[in-house]
Amino acid sequence: MIGVGILLLAACAAGPPPVSDAPAAPGFLTGFWHGLILPVTFVVSLFDDGVGVYETHNSGHLYDLGFVLGAGGLALPGIFARRG
């Protein structure tokens, strides 16, 4: 059961964009998604050179903002669960 869960999470890893005539540059939502799946993508990237943790051909600052918010969102459950 754990192996199936790991395989399902690995399927979420970011990879090279599909080839098309006019590819759209990834924007805010794609950056946010890549930030959310960063832990899984990082582990997969250790074993597969074709997987990157960050899309280098992006739309600029909006992608960066989404990526940072997505990666930072991983800390929110710990912040909210902290007892004061």
PDB file of N, CA and C in Angstrom:
ATOM      1  N   MET A   1       0.816  -1.183   0.000  1.00  0.00           N
ATOM      2  CA  MET A   1       0.000   0.000   0.000  1.00  0.00           C
ATOM      3  C   MET A   1       0.870   1.262   0.000  1.00  0.00           C
ATOM      4  N   ILE A   2       1.963   1.214   0.759  1.00  0.00           N
ATOM      5  CA  ILE A   2       2.866   2.364   0.804  1.00  0.00           C
ATOM      6  C   ILE A   2       3.515   2.573  -0.558  1.00  0.00           C
ATOM      7  N   GLY A   3       3.894   1.489  -1.211  1.00  0.00           N
ATOM      8  CA  GLY A   3       4.503   1.582  -2.537  1.00  0.00           C
ATOM      9  C   GLY A   3       3.568   2.212  -3.551  1.00  0.00           C
ATOM     10  N   VAL A   4       2.292   1.875  -3.478  1.00  0.00           N
ATOM     11  CA  VAL A   4       1.310   2.462  -4.388  1.00  0.00           C
ATOM     12  C   VAL A   4       1.184   3.959  -4.120  1.00  0.00           C
ATOM     13  N   GLY A   5       1.188   4.339  -2.842  1.00  0.00           N
ATOM     14  CA  GLY A   5       1.119   5.753  -2.494  1.00  0.00           C
ATOM     15  C   GLY A   5       2.315   6.525  -3.012  1.00  0.00           C
ATOM     16  N   ILE A   6       3.499   5.935  -2.894  1.00  0.00           N
ATOM     17  CA  ILE A   6       4.708   6.585  -3.391  1.00  0.00           C
ATOM     18  C   ILE A   6       4.652   6.746  -4.907  1.00  0.00           C
ATOM     19  N   LEU A   7       4.182   5.722  -5.597  1.00  0.00           N
ATOM     20  CA  LEU A   7       4.063   5.820  -7.056  1.00  0.00           C
ATOM     21  C   LEU A   7       3.056   6.886  -7.475  1.00  0.00           C
ATOM     22  N   LEU A   8       1.963   7.004  -6.747  1.00  0.00           N
ATOM     23  CA  LEU A   8       0.976   8.032  -7.064  1.00  0.00           C
ATOM     24  C   LEU A   8       1.545   9.426  -6.844  1.00  0.00           C
ATOM     25  N   LEU A   9       2.298   9.609  -5.766  1.00  0.00           N
ATOM     26  CA  LEU A   9       2.917  10.908  -5.526  1.00  0.00           C
ATOM     27  C   LEU A   9       3.992  11.220  -6.557  1.00  0.00           C
ATOM     28  N   ALA A  10       4.733  10.194  -6.984  1.00  0.00           N
ATOM     29  CA  ALA A  10       5.776  10.408  -7.988  1.00  0.00           C
ATOM     30  C   ALA A  10       5.180  10.820  -9.327  1.00  0.00           C
ATOM     31  N   ALA A  11       3.952  10.426  -9.582  1.00  0.00           N
ATOM     32  CA  ALA A  11       3.298  10.794 -10.837  1.00  0.00           C
ATOM     33  C   ALA A  11       3.006  12.285 -10.902  1.00  0.00           C
ATOM     34  N   CYS A  12       3.052  12.975  -9.769  1.00  0.00           N
ATOM     35  CA  CYS A  12       2.800  14.416  -9.725  1.00  0.00           C
ATOM     36  C   CYS A  12       4.038  15.234 -10.030  1.00  0.00           C
ATOM     37  N   ALA A  13       5.178  14.603 -10.180  1.00  0.00           N
ATOM     38  CA  ALA A  13       6.431  15.340 -10.364  1.00  0.00           C
ATOM     39  C   ALA A  13       6.420  16.133 -11.659  1.00  0.00           C
ATOM     40  N   ALA A  14       7.014  17.300 -11.599  1.00  0.00           N
ATOM     41  CA  ALA A  14       7.110  18.157 -12.784  1.00  0.00           C
ATOM     42  C   ALA A  14       8.132  17.575 -13.748  1.00  0.00           C
ATOM     43  N   GLY A  15       7.899  17.741 -14.994  1.00  0.00           N
ATOM     44  CA  GLY A  15       8.821  17.245 -16.014  1.00  0.00           C
ATOM     45  C   GLY A  15       8.923  18.244 -17.139  1.00  0.00           C
ATOM     46  N   PRO A  16       9.544  17.854 -18.220  1.00  0.00           N
ATOM     47  CA  PRO A  16       9.655  18.780 -19.343  1.00  0.00           C
ATOM     48  C   PRO A  16       8.285  19.072 -19.942  1.00  0.00           C
ATOM     49  N   PRO A  17       8.074  20.297 -20.410  1.00  0.00           N
ATOM     50  CA  PRO A  17       6.777  20.630 -20.975  1.00  0.00           C
ATOM     51  C   PRO A  17       6.543  19.896 -22.286  1.00  0.00           C
ATOM     52  N   PRO A  18       5.297  19.654 -22.630  1.00  0.00           N
ATOM     53  CA  PRO A  18       5.013  18.998 -23.904  1.00  0.00           C
ATOM     54  C   PRO A  18       5.415  19.894 -25.071  1.00  0.00           C
ATOM     55  N   VAL A  19       5.837  19.269 -26.144  1.00  0.00           N
ATOM     56  CA  VAL A  19       6.264  20.007 -27.327  1.00  0.00           C
ATOM     57  C   VAL A  19       5.026  20.398 -28.133  1.00  0.00           C
ATOM     58  N   SER A  20       4.940  21.683 -28.477  1.00  0.00           N
ATOM     59  CA  SER A  20       3.849  22.154 -29.323  1.00  0.00           C
ATOM     60  C   SER A  20       4.359  23.314 -30.169  1.00  0.00           C
ATOM     61  N   ASP A  21       3.515  23.806 -31.062  1.00  0.00           N
ATOM     62  CA  ASP A  21       3.927  24.900 -31.943  1.00  0.00           C
ATOM     63  C   ASP A  21       4.131  26.203 -31.174  1.00  0.00           C
ATOM     64  N   ALA A  22       3.245  26.508 -30.253  1.00  0.00           N
ATOM     65  CA  ALA A  22       3.336  27.753 -29.486  1.00  0.00           C
ATOM     66  C   ALA A  22       3.136  27.455 -28.003  1.00  0.00           C
ATOM     67  N   PRO A  23       4.180  26.973 -27.340  1.00  0.00           N
ATOM     68  CA  PRO A  23       4.003  26.631 -25.924  1.00  0.00           C
ATOM     69  C   PRO A  23       3.815  27.886 -25.083  1.00  0.00           C
ATOM     70  N   ALA A  24       2.873  27.816 -24.185  1.00  0.00           N
ATOM     71  CA  ALA A  24       2.643  28.930 -23.272  1.00  0.00           C
ATOM     72  C   ALA A  24       3.608  28.803 -22.098  1.00  0.00           C
ATOM     73  N   ALA A  25       4.181  29.917 -21.693  1.00  0.00           N
ATOM     74  CA  ALA A  25       5.111  29.909 -20.568  1.00  0.00           C
ATOM     75  C   ALA A  25       4.320  29.683 -19.282  1.00  0.00           C
ATOM     76  N   PRO A  26       4.815  28.804 -18.422  1.00  0.00           N
ATOM     77  CA  PRO A  26       4.116  28.559 -17.156  1.00  0.00           C
ATOM     78  C   PRO A  26       3.993  29.845 -16.349  1.00  0.00           C
ATOM     79  N   GLY A  27       2.831  30.053 -15.758  1.00  0.00           N
ATOM     80  CA  GLY A  27       2.563  31.260 -14.995  1.00  0.00           C
ATOM     81  C   GLY A  27       2.392  30.982 -13.515  1.00  0.00           C
ATOM     82  N   PHE A  28       1.581  31.809 -12.873  1.00  0.00           N
ATOM     83  CA  PHE A  28       1.408  31.763 -11.422  1.00  0.00           C
ATOM     84  C   PHE A  28       0.897  30.409 -10.933  1.00  0.00           C
ATOM     85  N   LEU A  29      -0.177  29.910 -11.533  1.00  0.00           N
ATOM     86  CA  LEU A  29      -0.777  28.657 -11.051  1.00  0.00           C
ATOM     87  C   LEU A  29       0.164  27.467 -11.230  1.00  0.00           C
ATOM     88  N   THR A  30       0.883  27.435 -12.332  1.00  0.00           N
ATOM     89  CA  THR A  30       1.856  26.353 -12.538  1.00  0.00           C
ATOM     90  C   THR A  30       2.983  26.464 -11.518  1.00  0.00           C
ATOM     91  N   GLY A  31       3.438  27.685 -11.254  1.00  0.00           N
ATOM     92  CA  GLY A  31       4.465  27.886 -10.236  1.00  0.00           C
ATOM     93  C   GLY A  31       3.980  27.461  -8.866  1.00  0.00           C
ATOM     94  N   PHE A  32       2.732  27.789  -8.544  1.00  0.00           N
ATOM     95  CA  PHE A  32       2.150  27.382  -7.265  1.00  0.00           C
ATOM     96  C   PHE A  32       2.107  25.859  -7.155  1.00  0.00           C
ATOM     97  N   TRP A  33       1.671  25.202  -8.220  1.00  0.00           N
ATOM     98  CA  TRP A  33       1.610  23.738  -8.230  1.00  0.00           C
ATOM     99  C   TRP A  33       3.002  23.136  -8.069  1.00  0.00           C
ATOM    100  N   HIS A  34       3.989  23.673  -8.787  1.00  0.00           N
ATOM    101  CA  HIS A  34       5.352  23.162  -8.680  1.00  0.00           C
ATOM    102  C   HIS A  34       5.899  23.371  -7.273  1.00  0.00           C
ATOM    103  N   GLY A  35       5.508  24.456  -6.619  1.00  0.00           N
ATOM    104  CA  GLY A  35       5.920  24.672  -5.235  1.00  0.00           C
ATOM    105  C   GLY A  35       5.291  23.667  -4.292  1.00  0.00           C
ATOM    106  N   LEU A  36       4.021  23.339  -4.515  1.00  0.00           N
ATOM    107  CA  LEU A  36       3.337  22.363  -3.660  1.00  0.00           C
ATOM    108  C   LEU A  36       3.934  20.964  -3.791  1.00  0.00           C
ATOM    109  N   ILE A  37       4.309  20.588  -4.994  1.00  0.00           N
ATOM    110  CA  ILE A  37       4.830  19.233  -5.199  1.00  0.00           C
ATOM    111  C   ILE A  37       6.349  19.178  -5.085  1.00  0.00           C
ATOM    112  N   LEU A  38       6.954  20.259  -4.579  1.00  0.00           N
ATOM    113  CA  LEU A  38       8.405  20.347  -4.464  1.00  0.00           C
ATOM    114  C   LEU A  38       9.036  19.170  -3.717  1.00  0.00           C
ATOM    115  N   PRO A  39       8.510  18.728  -2.558  1.00  0.00           N
ATOM    116  CA  PRO A  39       9.166  17.604  -1.861  1.00  0.00           C
ATOM    117  C   PRO A  39       9.213  16.324  -2.699  1.00  0.00           C
ATOM    118  N   VAL A  40       8.108  16.010  -3.349  1.00  0.00           N
ATOM    119  CA  VAL A  40       8.056  14.796  -4.173  1.00  0.00           C
ATOM    120  C   VAL A  40       8.965  14.952  -5.384  1.00  0.00           C
ATOM    121  N   THR A  41       8.903  16.109  -6.024  1.00  0.00           N
ATOM    122  CA  THR A  41       9.721  16.351  -7.203  1.00  0.00           C
ATOM    123  C   THR A  41      11.205  16.286  -6.872  1.00  0.00           C
ATOM    124  N   PHE A  42      11.585  16.821  -5.700  1.00  0.00           N
ATOM    125  CA  PHE A  42      12.991  16.786  -5.310  1.00  0.00           C
ATOM    126  C   PHE A  42      13.488  15.355  -5.158  1.00  0.00           C
ATOM    127  N   VAL A  43      12.711  14.509  -4.506  1.00  0.00           N
ATOM    128  CA  VAL A  43      13.121  13.114  -4.325  1.00  0.00           C
ATOM    129  C   VAL A  43      13.232  12.416  -5.672  1.00  0.00           C
ATOM    130  N   VAL A  44      12.271  12.629  -6.552  1.00  0.00           N
ATOM    131  CA  VAL A  44      12.309  12.003  -7.872  1.00  0.00           C
ATOM    132  C   VAL A  44      13.505  12.525  -8.667  1.00  0.00           C
ATOM    133  N   SER A  45      13.821  13.825  -8.529  1.00  0.00           N
ATOM    134  CA  SER A  45      14.937  14.394  -9.283  1.00  0.00           C
ATOM    135  C   SER A  45      16.284  13.819  -8.862  1.00  0.00           C
ATOM    136  N   LEU A  46      16.366  13.267  -7.668  1.00  0.00           N
ATOM    137  CA  LEU A  46      17.602  12.626  -7.228  1.00  0.00           C
ATOM    138  C   LEU A  46      17.909  11.370  -8.034  1.00  0.00           C
ATOM    139  N   PHE A  47      16.862  10.729  -8.549  1.00  0.00           N
ATOM    140  CA  PHE A  47      17.020   9.474  -9.271  1.00  0.00           C
ATOM    141  C   PHE A  47      16.818   9.603 -10.775  1.00  0.00           C
ATOM    142  N   ASP A  48      16.241  10.711 -11.233  1.00  0.00           N
ATOM    143  CA  ASP A  48      15.939  10.896 -12.647  1.00  0.00           C
ATOM    144  C   ASP A  48      16.422  12.272 -13.097  1.00  0.00           C
ATOM    145  N   ASP A  49      17.412  12.305 -13.978  1.00  0.00           N
ATOM    146  CA  ASP A  49      17.975  13.575 -14.447  1.00  0.00           C
ATOM    147  C   ASP A  49      17.006  14.367 -15.316  1.00  0.00           C
ATOM    148  N   GLY A  50      15.958  13.741 -15.810  1.00  0.00           N
ATOM    149  CA  GLY A  50      14.999  14.424 -16.665  1.00  0.00           C
ATOM    150  C   GLY A  50      13.953  15.204 -15.897  1.00  0.00           C
ATOM    151  N   VAL A  51      13.973  15.140 -14.573  1.00  0.00           N
ATOM    152  CA  VAL A  51      12.989  15.836 -13.752  1.00  0.00           C
ATOM    153  C   VAL A  51      13.669  17.005 -13.050  1.00  0.00           C
ATOM    154  N   GLY A  52      13.107  18.182 -13.221  1.00  0.00           N
ATOM    155  CA  GLY A  52      13.626  19.367 -12.548  1.00  0.00           C
ATOM    156  C   GLY A  52      12.643  19.857 -11.504  1.00  0.00           C
ATOM    157  N   VAL A  53      13.140  20.527 -10.471  1.00  0.00           N
ATOM    158  CA  VAL A  53      12.255  21.006  -9.415  1.00  0.00           C
ATOM    159  C   VAL A  53      11.718  22.400  -9.723  1.00  0.00           C
ATOM    160  N   TYR A  54      12.274  23.062 -10.737  1.00  0.00           N
ATOM    161  CA  TYR A  54      11.881  24.431 -11.076  1.00  0.00           C
ATOM    162  C   TYR A  54      11.845  24.558 -12.593  1.00  0.00           C
ATOM    163  N   GLU A  55      10.795  25.151 -13.116  1.00  0.00           N
ATOM    164  CA  GLU A  55      10.664  25.343 -14.563  1.00  0.00           C
ATOM    165  C   GLU A  55      11.455  26.583 -14.975  1.00  0.00           C
ATOM    166  N   THR A  56      12.528  26.385 -15.725  1.00  0.00           N
ATOM    167  CA  THR A  56      13.384  27.515 -16.094  1.00  0.00           C
ATOM    168  C   THR A  56      12.772  28.376 -17.188  1.00  0.00           C
ATOM    169  N   HIS A  57      11.925  27.827 -18.026  1.00  0.00           N
ATOM    170  CA  HIS A  57      11.265  28.591 -19.092  1.00  0.00           C
ATOM    171  C   HIS A  57       9.887  29.006 -18.595  1.00  0.00           C
ATOM    172  N   ASN A  58       9.846  30.012 -17.725  1.00  0.00           N
ATOM    173  CA  ASN A  58       8.585  30.426 -17.119  1.00  0.00           C
ATOM    174  C   ASN A  58       8.236  31.847 -17.533  1.00  0.00           C
ATOM    175  N   SER A  59       7.107  32.351 -17.012  1.00  0.00           N
ATOM    176  CA  SER A  59       6.631  33.676 -17.402  1.00  0.00           C
ATOM    177  C   SER A  59       7.250  34.794 -16.579  1.00  0.00           C
ATOM    178  N   GLY A  60       8.124  34.481 -15.671  1.00  0.00           N
ATOM    179  CA  GLY A  60       8.821  35.523 -14.915  1.00  0.00           C
ATOM    180  C   GLY A  60       8.409  35.595 -13.461  1.00  0.00           C
ATOM    181  N   HIS A  61       8.169  36.816 -13.020  1.00  0.00           N
ATOM    182  CA  HIS A  61       7.927  37.057 -11.601  1.00  0.00           C
ATOM    183  C   HIS A  61       6.666  36.373 -11.075  1.00  0.00           C
ATOM    184  N   LEU A  62       5.642  36.253 -11.894  1.00  0.00           N
ATOM    185  CA  LEU A  62       4.423  35.588 -11.421  1.00  0.00           C
ATOM    186  C   LEU A  62       4.664  34.105 -11.152  1.00  0.00           C
ATOM    187  N   TYR A  63       5.445  33.449 -11.996  1.00  0.00           N
ATOM    188  CA  TYR A  63       5.781  32.051 -11.744  1.00  0.00           C
ATOM    189  C   TYR A  63       6.578  31.938 -10.451  1.00  0.00           C
ATOM    190  N   ASP A  64       7.554  32.836 -10.281  1.00  0.00           N
ATOM    191  CA  ASP A  64       8.369  32.821  -9.066  1.00  0.00           C
ATOM    192  C   ASP A  64       7.512  33.014  -7.823  1.00  0.00           C
ATOM    193  N   LEU A  65       6.578  33.958  -7.876  1.00  0.00           N
ATOM    194  CA  LEU A  65       5.688  34.205  -6.745  1.00  0.00           C
ATOM    195  C   LEU A  65       4.849  32.968  -6.433  1.00  0.00           C
ATOM    196  N   GLY A  66       4.292  32.352  -7.454  1.00  0.00           N
ATOM    197  CA  GLY A  66       3.512  31.137  -7.243  1.00  0.00           C
ATOM    198  C   GLY A  66       4.346  30.021  -6.663  1.00  0.00           C
ATOM    199  N   PHE A  67       5.570  29.870  -7.149  1.00  0.00           N
ATOM    200  CA  PHE A  67       6.462  28.811  -6.652  1.00  0.00           C
ATOM    201  C   PHE A  67       6.773  29.024  -5.177  1.00  0.00           C
ATOM    202  N   VAL A  68       7.097  30.260  -4.804  1.00  0.00           N
ATOM    203  CA  VAL A  68       7.423  30.556  -3.408  1.00  0.00           C
ATOM    204  C   VAL A  68       6.206  30.369  -2.508  1.00  0.00           C
ATOM    205  N   LEU A  69       5.039  30.824  -2.958  1.00  0.00           N
ATOM    206  CA  LEU A  69       3.829  30.642  -2.160  1.00  0.00           C
ATOM    207  C   LEU A  69       3.472  29.164  -2.024  1.00  0.00           C
ATOM    208  N   GLY A  70       3.640  28.408  -3.105  1.00  0.00           N
ATOM    209  CA  GLY A  70       3.351  26.976  -3.042  1.00  0.00           C
ATOM    210  C   GLY A  70       4.310  26.247  -2.121  1.00  0.00           C
ATOM    211  N   ALA A  71       5.585  26.552  -2.221  1.00  0.00           N
ATOM    212  CA  ALA A  71       6.576  25.908  -1.354  1.00  0.00           C
ATOM    213  C   ALA A  71       6.406  26.371   0.089  1.00  0.00           C
ATOM    214  N   GLY A  72       6.083  27.638   0.282  1.00  0.00           N
ATOM    215  CA  GLY A  72       5.851  28.150   1.631  1.00  0.00           C
ATOM    216  C   GLY A  72       4.570  27.629   2.229  1.00  0.00           C
ATOM    217  N   GLY A  73       3.611  27.298   1.377  1.00  0.00           N
ATOM    218  CA  GLY A  73       2.356  26.740   1.862  1.00  0.00           C
ATOM    219  C   GLY A  73       2.529  25.394   2.531  1.00  0.00           C
ATOM    220  N   LEU A  74       3.646  24.743   2.259  1.00  0.00           N
ATOM    221  CA  LEU A  74       3.899  23.465   2.903  1.00  0.00           C
ATOM    222  C   LEU A  74       4.130  23.631   4.395  1.00  0.00           C
ATOM    223  N   ALA A  75       4.526  24.819   4.831  1.00  0.00           N
ATOM    224  CA  ALA A  75       4.792  25.067   6.244  1.00  0.00           C
ATOM    225  C   ALA A  75       3.531  25.474   7.008  1.00  0.00           C
ATOM    226  N   LEU A  76       2.463  25.833   6.317  1.00  0.00           N
ATOM    227  CA  LEU A  76       1.259  26.320   6.985  1.00  0.00           C
ATOM    228  C   LEU A  76       0.650  25.331   7.975  1.00  0.00           C
ATOM    229  N   PRO A  77       0.535  24.044   7.652  1.00  0.00           N
ATOM    230  CA  PRO A  77      -0.033  23.133   8.651  1.00  0.00           C
ATOM    231  C   PRO A  77       0.767  23.123   9.955  1.00  0.00           C
ATOM    232  N   GLY A  78       2.066  23.208   9.855  1.00  0.00           N
ATOM    233  CA  GLY A  78       2.892  23.240  11.067  1.00  0.00           C
ATOM    234  C   GLY A  78       2.721  24.526  11.843  1.00  0.00           C
ATOM    235  N   ILE A  79       2.549  25.626  11.139  1.00  0.00           N
ATOM    236  CA  ILE A  79       2.345  26.912  11.813  1.00  0.00           C
ATOM    237  C   ILE A  79       1.002  26.925  12.533  1.00  0.00           C
ATOM    238  N   PHE A  80      -0.042  26.437  11.856  1.00  0.00           N
ATOM    239  CA  PHE A  80      -1.375  26.437  12.462  1.00  0.00           C
ATOM    240  C   PHE A  80      -1.498  25.409  13.585  1.00  0.00           C
ATOM    241  N   ALA A  81      -0.728  24.332  13.516  1.00  0.00           N
ATOM    242  CA  ALA A  81      -0.817  23.291  14.533  1.00  0.00           C
ATOM    243  C   ALA A  81       0.012  23.629  15.776  1.00  0.00           C
ATOM    244  N   ARG A  82       0.841  24.642  15.670  1.00  0.00           N
ATOM    245  CA  ARG A  82       1.697  25.036  16.789  1.00  0.00           C
ATOM    246  C   ARG A  82       0.850  25.528  17.952  1.00  0.00           C
ATOM    247  N   ARG A  83       1.197  25.053  19.104  1.00  0.00           N
ATOM    248  CA  ARG A  83       0.447  25.470  20.290  1.00  0.00           C
ATOM    249  C   ARG A  83       1.098  26.693  20.907  1.00  0.00           C
ATOM    250  N   GLY A  84       0.302  27.640  21.293  1.00  0.00           N
ATOM    251  CA  GLY A  84       0.829  28.893  21.831  1.00  0.00           C
ATOM    252  C   GLY A  84       0.785  28.998  23.324  1.00  0.00           C
TER     253      GLY A  84
END
